[in-house]
Amino acid sequence: MKFVIATHNAHKVEEFRRILAPLGIEAATADFEDVEETGTTFAENARLKAEAACRATGLPSVADDSGLSVDALGGEPGVYSARWAGEGATDSQRIEKLLQKMENVPASERTAKFVSAIHCAFPDGKSIAVQGECFGTIAFAPAGKDGFGYDPIFLVGDKTYAEMTGEQKDAVSHRGKALRLFVQALKSR
């Protein structure tokens, strides 16, 4: 089974491929225009991207919109996770901004969650929508060399996402959970 992954983020494509390949799903990329993320929820943004890629390619298209919600920051950065530190900001700049805002927050109040909304649009107009979440805490400093985005400061237990192997992260991550739910929904379609 072949699905277009509606993203230009190479890290997300790698995770999709790693999680979906053992399930017999080929995660392909395609050339299509970026979609403006005008939704107010992760689910709305995922739908916008999946539908645009499906229209552009004529193939079933899967999109993910994901981000970090920090309780002490009232849910920020949320749907603005990638743009929160300004257009063109690097992962390091986003992490730096978050850690500065959390500077005086004690360990007991550093709770957060990563959310991944997955939407699959089919050429026949049908769709599948699922969401996965991973609860954790915000570290006081970055740790680990793997991963991307906020991975170096998101702790699950005693390890950040960036300290985990790809397989360890997939087993607990928001995106891993969402993709497993997507596969279950796909099988019952």
N, C-alpha and C. Protein backbone atom coordinates (compact mmCIF):
# COMPACT_ATOMS: atom_id res chain seq x y z
N MET A 1 0.84 -1.16 0.00
CA MET A 1 0.00 0.00 0.00
C MET A 1 0.89 1.24 0.00
N LYS A 2 0.59 2.22 -0.84
CA LYS A 2 1.42 3.41 -0.96
C LYS A 2 0.62 4.65 -0.56
N PHE A 3 1.21 5.45 0.34
CA PHE A 3 0.61 6.69 0.78
C PHE A 3 1.62 7.82 0.62
N VAL A 4 1.14 8.98 0.20
CA VAL A 4 1.98 10.17 0.15
C VAL A 4 2.01 10.77 1.55
N ILE A 5 3.19 11.11 2.01
CA ILE A 5 3.34 11.78 3.29
C ILE A 5 3.35 13.28 3.01
N ALA A 6 2.36 13.97 3.51
CA ALA A 6 2.16 15.39 3.20
C ALA A 6 2.99 16.27 4.12
N THR A 7 4.30 16.23 3.90
CA THR A 7 5.21 17.08 4.66
C THR A 7 6.48 17.28 3.85
N HIS A 8 7.14 18.38 4.13
CA HIS A 8 8.47 18.62 3.56
C HIS A 8 9.53 18.49 4.65
N ASN A 9 9.12 17.99 5.82
CA ASN A 9 10.01 17.81 6.96
C ASN A 9 10.64 16.42 6.87
N ALA A 10 11.92 16.37 6.56
CA ALA A 10 12.62 15.09 6.37
C ALA A 10 12.60 14.23 7.63
N HIS A 11 12.63 14.85 8.81
CA HIS A 11 12.59 14.10 10.07
C HIS A 11 11.25 13.37 10.23
N LYS A 12 10.16 14.06 9.88
CA LYS A 12 8.84 13.41 9.98
C LYS A 12 8.73 12.27 8.98
N VAL A 13 9.22 12.48 7.77
CA VAL A 13 9.18 11.42 6.75
C VAL A 13 9.93 10.19 7.25
N GLU A 14 11.09 10.40 7.86
CA GLU A 14 11.88 9.29 8.40
C GLU A 14 11.10 8.52 9.46
N GLU A 15 10.43 9.25 10.38
CA GLU A 15 9.64 8.58 11.41
C GLU A 15 8.46 7.82 10.79
N PHE A 16 7.77 8.43 9.84
CA PHE A 16 6.65 7.76 9.17
C PHE A 16 7.14 6.46 8.54
N ARG A 17 8.23 6.53 7.81
CA ARG A 17 8.75 5.33 7.14
C ARG A 17 9.14 4.25 8.14
N ARG A 18 9.82 4.65 9.20
CA ARG A 18 10.30 3.69 10.20
C ARG A 18 9.11 2.98 10.88
N ILE A 19 8.03 3.71 11.14
CA ILE A 19 6.89 3.13 11.84
C ILE A 19 5.98 2.36 10.89
N LEU A 20 5.77 2.86 9.67
CA LEU A 20 4.81 2.25 8.75
C LEU A 20 5.37 1.10 7.91
N ALA A 21 6.67 1.10 7.62
CA ALA A 21 7.26 0.06 6.77
C ALA A 21 7.00 -1.36 7.27
N PRO A 22 7.19 -1.64 8.56
CA PRO A 22 6.93 -3.01 9.04
C PRO A 22 5.46 -3.43 8.90
N LEU A 23 4.59 -2.45 8.67
CA LEU A 23 3.16 -2.73 8.53
C LEU A 23 2.74 -2.85 7.07
N GLY A 24 3.74 -2.83 6.17
CA GLY A 24 3.46 -3.00 4.75
C GLY A 24 2.97 -1.75 4.06
N ILE A 25 3.22 -0.59 4.67
CA ILE A 25 2.80 0.68 4.07
C ILE A 25 4.03 1.44 3.59
N GLU A 26 4.02 1.79 2.30
CA GLU A 26 5.11 2.57 1.72
C GLU A 26 4.80 4.05 1.91
N ALA A 27 5.68 4.74 2.61
CA ALA A 27 5.54 6.17 2.83
C ALA A 27 6.34 6.91 1.76
N ALA A 28 5.64 7.44 0.77
CA ALA A 28 6.29 8.12 -0.34
C ALA A 28 6.20 9.63 -0.16
N THR A 29 7.09 10.33 -0.79
CA THR A 29 7.03 11.79 -0.79
C THR A 29 6.62 12.25 -2.19
N ALA A 30 6.13 13.45 -2.27
CA ALA A 30 5.71 14.00 -3.56
C ALA A 30 5.96 15.50 -3.54
N ASP A 31 6.05 16.06 -4.70
CA ASP A 31 6.26 17.49 -4.82
C ASP A 31 4.90 18.18 -4.86
N PHE A 32 4.62 18.98 -3.86
CA PHE A 32 3.38 19.75 -3.81
C PHE A 32 3.67 21.03 -3.03
N GLU A 33 2.81 22.01 -3.21
CA GLU A 33 3.03 23.30 -2.55
C GLU A 33 2.73 23.21 -1.06
N ASP A 34 3.48 23.98 -0.28
CA ASP A 34 3.21 24.06 1.15
C ASP A 34 1.81 24.63 1.36
N VAL A 35 1.17 24.16 2.40
CA VAL A 35 -0.17 24.62 2.75
C VAL A 35 -0.05 25.52 3.97
N GLU A 36 -0.73 26.65 3.92
CA GLU A 36 -0.72 27.53 5.08
C GLU A 36 -1.54 26.89 6.19
N GLU A 37 -0.94 26.78 7.35
CA GLU A 37 -1.60 26.14 8.50
C GLU A 37 -2.47 27.17 9.20
N THR A 38 -3.70 27.29 8.74
CA THR A 38 -4.63 28.28 9.27
C THR A 38 -5.56 27.71 10.33
N GLY A 39 -5.46 26.42 10.59
CA GLY A 39 -6.32 25.79 11.60
C GLY A 39 -5.98 26.24 13.00
N THR A 40 -6.95 26.09 13.89
CA THR A 40 -6.71 26.45 15.29
C THR A 40 -6.41 25.23 16.15
N THR A 41 -6.44 24.04 15.50
CA THR A 41 -6.11 22.81 16.21
C THR A 41 -5.14 22.00 15.36
N PHE A 42 -4.47 21.06 16.01
CA PHE A 42 -3.57 20.16 15.27
C PHE A 42 -4.37 19.38 14.23
N ALA A 43 -5.57 18.93 14.60
CA ALA A 43 -6.40 18.14 13.68
C ALA A 43 -6.78 18.93 12.43
N GLU A 44 -7.14 20.20 12.60
CA GLU A 44 -7.51 21.03 11.44
C GLU A 44 -6.32 21.21 10.51
N ASN A 45 -5.15 21.47 11.05
CA ASN A 45 -3.97 21.66 10.21
C ASN A 45 -3.58 20.38 9.48
N ALA A 46 -3.68 19.24 10.16
CA ALA A 46 -3.37 17.96 9.52
C ALA A 46 -4.33 17.71 8.35
N ARG A 47 -5.62 18.02 8.55
CA ARG A 47 -6.60 17.84 7.49
C ARG A 47 -6.28 18.71 6.29
N LEU A 48 -5.96 19.97 6.52
CA LEU A 48 -5.62 20.89 5.43
C LEU A 48 -4.46 20.36 4.59
N LYS A 49 -3.43 19.87 5.26
CA LYS A 49 -2.25 19.38 4.54
C LYS A 49 -2.54 18.08 3.79
N ALA A 50 -3.26 17.16 4.42
CA ALA A 50 -3.56 15.87 3.76
C ALA A 50 -4.45 16.07 2.54
N GLU A 51 -5.47 16.90 2.66
CA GLU A 51 -6.38 17.13 1.54
C GLU A 51 -5.65 17.80 0.37
N ALA A 52 -4.77 18.75 0.67
CA ALA A 52 -4.02 19.44 -0.39
C ALA A 52 -3.10 18.46 -1.12
N ALA A 53 -2.42 17.60 -0.38
CA ALA A 53 -1.51 16.64 -1.01
C ALA A 53 -2.29 15.61 -1.82
N CYS A 54 -3.45 15.20 -1.34
CA CYS A 54 -4.29 14.24 -2.07
C CYS A 54 -4.77 14.84 -3.39
N ARG A 55 -5.22 16.10 -3.33
CA ARG A 55 -5.65 16.79 -4.57
C ARG A 55 -4.50 16.91 -5.56
N ALA A 56 -3.31 17.23 -5.05
CA ALA A 56 -2.15 17.46 -5.93
C ALA A 56 -1.62 16.18 -6.55
N THR A 57 -1.73 15.05 -5.85
CA THR A 57 -1.11 13.81 -6.32
C THR A 57 -2.11 12.76 -6.81
N GLY A 58 -3.36 12.87 -6.36
CA GLY A 58 -4.34 11.84 -6.70
C GLY A 58 -4.15 10.56 -5.92
N LEU A 59 -3.29 10.59 -4.91
CA LEU A 59 -3.00 9.41 -4.08
C LEU A 59 -3.48 9.64 -2.66
N PRO A 60 -3.75 8.55 -1.92
CA PRO A 60 -4.05 8.73 -0.50
C PRO A 60 -2.88 9.47 0.15
N SER A 61 -3.21 10.45 0.97
CA SER A 61 -2.17 11.29 1.58
C SER A 61 -2.36 11.38 3.08
N VAL A 62 -1.25 11.23 3.78
CA VAL A 62 -1.25 11.26 5.24
C VAL A 62 -0.46 12.48 5.70
N ALA A 63 -1.06 13.25 6.60
CA ALA A 63 -0.38 14.42 7.15
C ALA A 63 -0.41 14.35 8.67
N ASP A 64 0.60 14.94 9.25
CA ASP A 64 0.71 15.05 10.69
C ASP A 64 0.84 16.52 11.03
N ASP A 65 0.12 16.96 12.02
CA ASP A 65 0.41 18.25 12.61
C ASP A 65 0.63 17.96 14.08
N SER A 66 1.74 18.42 14.57
CA SER A 66 2.10 18.07 15.93
C SER A 66 2.78 19.23 16.61
N GLY A 67 2.83 19.15 17.92
CA GLY A 67 3.50 20.19 18.67
C GLY A 67 3.51 19.89 20.15
N LEU A 68 4.11 20.79 20.85
CA LEU A 68 4.33 20.68 22.29
C LEU A 68 3.41 21.64 23.02
N SER A 69 2.73 21.14 24.03
CA SER A 69 1.87 21.98 24.87
C SER A 69 2.40 21.90 26.30
N VAL A 70 2.80 23.04 26.83
CA VAL A 70 3.39 23.12 28.16
C VAL A 70 2.37 23.71 29.13
N ASP A 71 2.07 22.98 30.17
CA ASP A 71 1.04 23.40 31.13
C ASP A 71 1.35 24.76 31.77
N ALA A 72 2.59 24.96 32.21
CA ALA A 72 2.96 26.21 32.88
C ALA A 72 2.89 27.42 31.96
N LEU A 73 2.82 27.18 30.65
CA LEU A 73 2.72 28.27 29.67
C LEU A 73 1.33 28.34 29.06
N GLY A 74 0.35 27.77 29.76
CA GLY A 74 -1.02 27.83 29.28
C GLY A 74 -1.25 27.08 27.97
N GLY A 75 -0.43 26.05 27.73
CA GLY A 75 -0.57 25.25 26.50
C GLY A 75 0.33 25.68 25.36
N GLU A 76 1.06 26.77 25.55
CA GLU A 76 2.01 27.20 24.51
C GLU A 76 3.17 26.21 24.45
N PRO A 77 3.83 26.11 23.35
CA PRO A 77 3.61 26.79 22.08
C PRO A 77 2.47 26.21 21.25
N GLY A 78 1.99 25.01 21.55
CA GLY A 78 0.81 24.44 20.91
C GLY A 78 0.91 24.37 19.39
N VAL A 79 -0.17 24.77 18.69
CA VAL A 79 -0.19 24.67 17.23
C VAL A 79 0.86 25.57 16.58
N TYR A 80 1.43 26.46 17.35
CA TYR A 80 2.47 27.36 16.81
C TYR A 80 3.88 26.88 17.12
N SER A 81 4.04 25.63 17.53
CA SER A 81 5.33 25.09 17.96
C SER A 81 6.47 25.40 17.01
N ALA A 82 6.26 25.23 15.71
CA ALA A 82 7.33 25.45 14.74
C ALA A 82 7.59 26.94 14.50
N ARG A 83 6.58 27.78 14.72
CA ARG A 83 6.71 29.22 14.42
C ARG A 83 6.80 30.09 15.67
N TRP A 84 6.78 29.48 16.83
CA TRP A 84 6.67 30.17 18.10
C TRP A 84 7.80 31.16 18.36
N ALA A 85 9.00 30.83 17.94
CA ALA A 85 10.15 31.71 18.17
C ALA A 85 10.39 32.64 16.97
N GLY A 86 9.44 32.69 16.04
CA GLY A 86 9.57 33.54 14.86
C GLY A 86 9.86 32.72 13.61
N GLU A 87 9.46 33.27 12.48
CA GLU A 87 9.70 32.60 11.20
C GLU A 87 11.19 32.38 11.00
N GLY A 88 11.54 31.19 10.58
CA GLY A 88 12.94 30.87 10.30
C GLY A 88 13.78 30.55 11.52
N ALA A 89 13.17 30.53 12.70
CA ALA A 89 13.92 30.19 13.92
C ALA A 89 14.39 28.74 13.84
N THR A 90 15.54 28.48 14.41
CA THR A 90 16.09 27.13 14.45
C THR A 90 15.52 26.37 15.65
N ASP A 91 15.73 25.06 15.65
CA ASP A 91 15.32 24.26 16.80
C ASP A 91 15.96 24.80 18.08
N SER A 92 17.23 25.14 18.00
CA SER A 92 17.95 25.67 19.17
C SER A 92 17.32 26.96 19.68
N GLN A 93 16.90 27.83 18.77
CA GLN A 93 16.27 29.09 19.17
C GLN A 93 14.91 28.85 19.82
N ARG A 94 14.16 27.89 19.30
CA ARG A 94 12.86 27.57 19.90
C ARG A 94 13.05 27.00 21.31
N ILE A 95 14.03 26.11 21.45
CA ILE A 95 14.32 25.53 22.76
C ILE A 95 14.77 26.61 23.73
N GLU A 96 15.63 27.48 23.28
CA GLU A 96 16.14 28.57 24.13
C GLU A 96 14.98 29.45 24.62
N LYS A 97 14.06 29.80 23.73
CA LYS A 97 12.91 30.63 24.12
C LYS A 97 12.08 29.90 25.18
N LEU A 98 11.82 28.62 24.95
CA LEU A 98 11.00 27.87 25.89
C LEU A 98 11.68 27.78 27.25
N LEU A 99 12.96 27.48 27.26
CA LEU A 99 13.69 27.37 28.54
C LEU A 99 13.74 28.71 29.26
N GLN A 100 13.85 29.80 28.53
CA GLN A 100 13.83 31.12 29.17
C GLN A 100 12.48 31.38 29.82
N LYS A 101 11.41 31.04 29.14
CA LYS A 101 10.07 31.25 29.71
C LYS A 101 9.82 30.34 30.92
N MET A 102 10.53 29.22 30.97
CA MET A 102 10.36 28.25 32.06
C MET A 102 11.41 28.41 33.16
N GLU A 103 12.22 29.43 33.06
CA GLU A 103 13.37 29.61 33.94
C GLU A 103 13.05 29.45 35.43
N ASN A 104 11.96 30.02 35.90
CA ASN A 104 11.63 29.98 37.32
C ASN A 104 10.54 28.96 37.67
N VAL A 105 10.27 28.05 36.76
CA VAL A 105 9.25 27.04 36.99
C VAL A 105 9.90 25.82 37.65
N PRO A 106 9.42 25.42 38.84
CA PRO A 106 10.03 24.27 39.53
C PRO A 106 9.73 22.95 38.81
N ALA A 107 10.52 21.94 39.10
CA ALA A 107 10.40 20.63 38.46
C ALA A 107 8.98 20.07 38.54
N SER A 108 8.32 20.27 39.66
CA SER A 108 6.98 19.70 39.86
C SER A 108 5.92 20.33 38.96
N GLU A 109 6.24 21.50 38.37
CA GLU A 109 5.26 22.21 37.54
C GLU A 109 5.69 22.28 36.07
N ARG A 110 6.60 21.41 35.65
CA ARG A 110 7.12 21.46 34.28
C ARG A 110 6.45 20.42 33.38
N THR A 111 5.21 20.07 33.67
CA THR A 111 4.48 19.07 32.90
C THR A 111 4.14 19.58 31.50
N ALA A 112 4.12 18.65 30.57
CA ALA A 112 3.85 19.00 29.18
C ALA A 112 3.38 17.76 28.44
N LYS A 113 2.90 17.98 27.24
CA LYS A 113 2.56 16.85 26.38
C LYS A 113 2.88 17.21 24.94
N PHE A 114 3.26 16.19 24.19
CA PHE A 114 3.39 16.29 22.75
C PHE A 114 2.11 15.72 22.17
N VAL A 115 1.59 16.37 21.14
CA VAL A 115 0.36 15.93 20.47
C VAL A 115 0.67 15.73 18.99
N SER A 116 0.14 14.66 18.43
CA SER A 116 0.24 14.41 16.99
C SER A 116 -1.14 14.07 16.45
N ALA A 117 -1.63 14.93 15.56
CA ALA A 117 -2.89 14.66 14.86
C ALA A 117 -2.52 14.14 13.48
N ILE A 118 -3.05 12.98 13.14
CA ILE A 118 -2.81 12.37 11.83
C ILE A 118 -4.12 12.40 11.06
N HIS A 119 -4.04 12.85 9.82
CA HIS A 119 -5.21 12.85 8.95
C HIS A 119 -4.81 12.20 7.63
N CYS A 120 -5.63 11.29 7.16
CA CYS A 120 -5.42 10.65 5.87
C CYS A 120 -6.59 10.99 4.97
N ALA A 121 -6.31 11.57 3.82
CA ALA A 121 -7.33 11.91 2.83
C ALA A 121 -7.21 10.94 1.66
N PHE A 122 -8.33 10.36 1.27
CA PHE A 122 -8.37 9.42 0.15
C PHE A 122 -8.98 10.11 -1.08
N PRO A 123 -8.57 9.69 -2.28
CA PRO A 123 -9.12 10.30 -3.50
C PRO A 123 -10.64 10.20 -3.61
N ASP A 124 -11.26 9.22 -2.94
CA ASP A 124 -12.72 9.08 -3.00
C ASP A 124 -13.45 10.02 -2.05
N GLY A 125 -12.70 10.88 -1.34
CA GLY A 125 -13.30 11.85 -0.42
C GLY A 125 -13.41 11.37 1.01
N LYS A 126 -13.14 10.10 1.25
CA LYS A 126 -13.19 9.59 2.62
C LYS A 126 -11.90 9.97 3.36
N SER A 127 -11.92 9.82 4.66
CA SER A 127 -10.74 10.19 5.44
C SER A 127 -10.68 9.38 6.74
N ILE A 128 -9.50 9.43 7.34
CA ILE A 128 -9.26 8.86 8.66
C ILE A 128 -8.56 9.95 9.46
N ALA A 129 -9.02 10.15 10.70
CA ALA A 129 -8.39 11.14 11.58
C ALA A 129 -8.18 10.51 12.95
N VAL A 130 -6.95 10.60 13.46
CA VAL A 130 -6.61 10.07 14.78
C VAL A 130 -5.67 11.04 15.47
N GLN A 131 -5.51 10.85 16.78
CA GLN A 131 -4.59 11.71 17.53
C GLN A 131 -3.88 10.89 18.60
N GLY A 132 -2.58 11.13 18.75
CA GLY A 132 -1.80 10.50 19.79
C GLY A 132 -1.17 11.55 20.69
N GLU A 133 -1.00 11.20 21.96
CA GLU A 133 -0.38 12.12 22.91
C GLU A 133 0.67 11.39 23.73
N CYS A 134 1.69 12.11 24.12
CA CYS A 134 2.71 11.59 25.02
C CYS A 134 2.92 12.62 26.12
N PHE A 135 2.74 12.20 27.36
CA PHE A 135 2.89 13.10 28.50
C PHE A 135 4.31 13.00 29.05
N GLY A 136 4.85 14.14 29.45
CA GLY A 136 6.19 14.17 29.99
C GLY A 136 6.43 15.47 30.74
N THR A 137 7.70 15.84 30.85
CA THR A 137 8.07 17.08 31.52
C THR A 137 9.14 17.79 30.70
N ILE A 138 9.32 19.05 31.01
CA ILE A 138 10.35 19.86 30.34
C ILE A 138 11.62 19.84 31.18
N ALA A 139 12.71 19.44 30.56
CA ALA A 139 14.01 19.40 31.23
C ALA A 139 14.51 20.82 31.49
N PHE A 140 15.50 20.94 32.34
CA PHE A 140 16.09 22.25 32.65
C PHE A 140 17.15 22.63 31.61
N ALA A 141 17.65 21.63 30.86
CA ALA A 141 18.65 21.88 29.83
C ALA A 141 18.53 20.78 28.77
N PRO A 142 18.92 21.07 27.54
CA PRO A 142 18.86 20.06 26.48
C PRO A 142 19.79 18.88 26.78
N ALA A 143 19.35 17.69 26.34
CA ALA A 143 20.16 16.49 26.48
C ALA A 143 19.87 15.56 25.31
N GLY A 144 20.92 14.94 24.80
CA GLY A 144 20.76 13.98 23.71
C GLY A 144 21.09 14.58 22.35
N LYS A 145 21.40 13.70 21.40
CA LYS A 145 21.83 14.14 20.08
C LYS A 145 20.87 13.72 18.97
N ASP A 146 19.93 12.83 19.26
CA ASP A 146 19.00 12.38 18.24
C ASP A 146 17.74 13.23 18.28
N GLY A 147 16.85 12.97 17.34
CA GLY A 147 15.58 13.68 17.33
C GLY A 147 15.69 15.04 16.68
N PHE A 148 14.63 15.81 16.83
CA PHE A 148 14.54 17.15 16.23
C PHE A 148 13.54 17.98 17.01
N GLY A 149 13.43 19.23 16.69
CA GLY A 149 12.47 20.10 17.37
C GLY A 149 12.79 20.22 18.85
N TYR A 150 11.77 20.01 19.65
CA TYR A 150 11.90 20.13 21.10
C TYR A 150 12.36 18.83 21.77
N ASP A 151 12.73 17.83 20.99
CA ASP A 151 13.13 16.52 21.52
C ASP A 151 14.18 16.60 22.63
N PRO A 152 15.19 17.47 22.53
CA PRO A 152 16.24 17.49 23.57
C PRO A 152 15.79 17.97 24.95
N ILE A 153 14.58 18.55 25.04
CA ILE A 153 14.13 19.03 26.36
C ILE A 153 12.84 18.35 26.82
N PHE A 154 12.31 17.40 26.03
CA PHE A 154 11.08 16.72 26.43
C PHE A 154 11.43 15.38 27.07
N LEU A 155 11.20 15.30 28.37
CA LEU A 155 11.53 14.10 29.15
C LEU A 155 10.33 13.17 29.27
N VAL A 156 10.57 11.90 28.97
CA VAL A 156 9.60 10.84 29.26
C VAL A 156 10.35 9.91 30.21
N GLY A 157 9.92 9.92 31.45
CA GLY A 157 10.70 9.21 32.47
C GLY A 157 12.00 9.98 32.70
N ASP A 158 13.13 9.27 32.57
CA ASP A 158 14.42 9.92 32.83
C ASP A 158 15.21 10.20 31.55
N LYS A 159 14.57 10.07 30.39
CA LYS A 159 15.25 10.32 29.11
C LYS A 159 14.48 11.32 28.27
N THR A 160 15.22 12.19 27.59
CA THR A 160 14.56 13.05 26.62
C THR A 160 14.33 12.23 25.35
N TYR A 161 13.43 12.70 24.50
CA TYR A 161 13.24 12.05 23.20
C TYR A 161 14.59 11.95 22.47
N ALA A 162 15.43 12.97 22.60
CA ALA A 162 16.71 13.02 21.88
C ALA A 162 17.73 12.04 22.44
N GLU A 163 17.49 11.50 23.63
CA GLU A 163 18.39 10.49 24.20
C GLU A 163 17.94 9.07 23.86
N MET A 164 16.79 8.94 23.24
CA MET A 164 16.26 7.62 22.90
C MET A 164 16.67 7.21 21.49
N THR A 165 16.74 5.91 21.27
CA THR A 165 16.91 5.42 19.90
C THR A 165 15.59 5.69 19.17
N GLY A 166 15.63 5.60 17.85
CA GLY A 166 14.41 5.79 17.08
C GLY A 166 13.32 4.83 17.51
N GLU A 167 13.69 3.59 17.75
CA GLU A 167 12.71 2.57 18.14
C GLU A 167 12.14 2.85 19.53
N GLN A 168 12.98 3.30 20.46
CA GLN A 168 12.50 3.64 21.80
C GLN A 168 11.52 4.81 21.73
N LYS A 169 11.87 5.81 20.95
CA LYS A 169 11.00 6.98 20.81
C LYS A 169 9.67 6.58 20.18
N ASP A 170 9.72 5.79 19.10
CA ASP A 170 8.50 5.37 18.41
C ASP A 170 7.55 4.63 19.34
N ALA A 171 8.10 3.87 20.29
CA ALA A 171 7.28 3.08 21.20
C ALA A 171 6.46 3.94 22.16
N VAL A 172 6.95 5.15 22.49
CA VAL A 172 6.26 5.99 23.46
C VAL A 172 5.75 7.31 22.89
N SER A 173 6.23 7.70 21.73
CA SER A 173 5.96 9.06 21.23
C SER A 173 4.52 9.28 20.79
N HIS A 174 4.17 10.54 20.74
CA HIS A 174 2.87 10.99 20.26
C HIS A 174 2.64 10.54 18.81
N ARG A 175 3.66 10.66 17.98
CA ARG A 175 3.52 10.29 16.57
C ARG A 175 3.44 8.77 16.41
N GLY A 176 4.23 8.04 17.18
CA GLY A 176 4.15 6.58 17.15
C GLY A 176 2.77 6.10 17.54
N LYS A 177 2.22 6.68 18.61
CA LYS A 177 0.87 6.30 19.06
C LYS A 177 -0.17 6.63 17.99
N ALA A 178 -0.07 7.83 17.41
CA ALA A 178 -1.04 8.24 16.39
C ALA A 178 -0.95 7.35 15.16
N LEU A 179 0.25 7.02 14.73
CA LEU A 179 0.39 6.18 13.54
C LEU A 179 -0.12 4.76 13.78
N ARG A 180 0.06 4.24 14.98
CA ARG A 180 -0.49 2.92 15.28
C ARG A 180 -2.03 2.96 15.27
N LEU A 181 -2.61 4.04 15.79
CA LEU A 181 -4.06 4.21 15.72
C LEU A 181 -4.52 4.33 14.26
N PHE A 182 -3.74 5.04 13.45
CA PHE A 182 -4.06 5.20 12.03
C PHE A 182 -4.10 3.83 11.34
N VAL A 183 -3.10 3.00 11.61
CA VAL A 183 -3.05 1.68 10.99
C VAL A 183 -4.25 0.84 11.41
N GLN A 184 -4.62 0.90 12.69
CA GLN A 184 -5.82 0.17 13.16
C GLN A 184 -7.06 0.65 12.41
N ALA A 185 -7.21 1.96 12.28
CA ALA A 185 -8.37 2.50 11.56
C ALA A 185 -8.36 2.12 10.10
N LEU A 186 -7.18 2.09 9.52
CA LEU A 186 -7.04 1.73 8.11
C LEU A 186 -7.45 0.26 7.88
N LYS A 187 -7.07 -0.60 8.81
CA LYS A 187 -7.41 -2.02 8.69
C LYS A 187 -8.92 -2.26 8.78
N SER A 188 -9.62 -1.42 9.55
CA SER A 188 -11.06 -1.61 9.70
C SER A 188 -11.87 -0.80 8.69
N ARG A 189 -11.19 -0.14 7.78
CA ARG A 189 -11.85 0.70 6.76
C ARG A 189 -12.54 -0.15 5.73
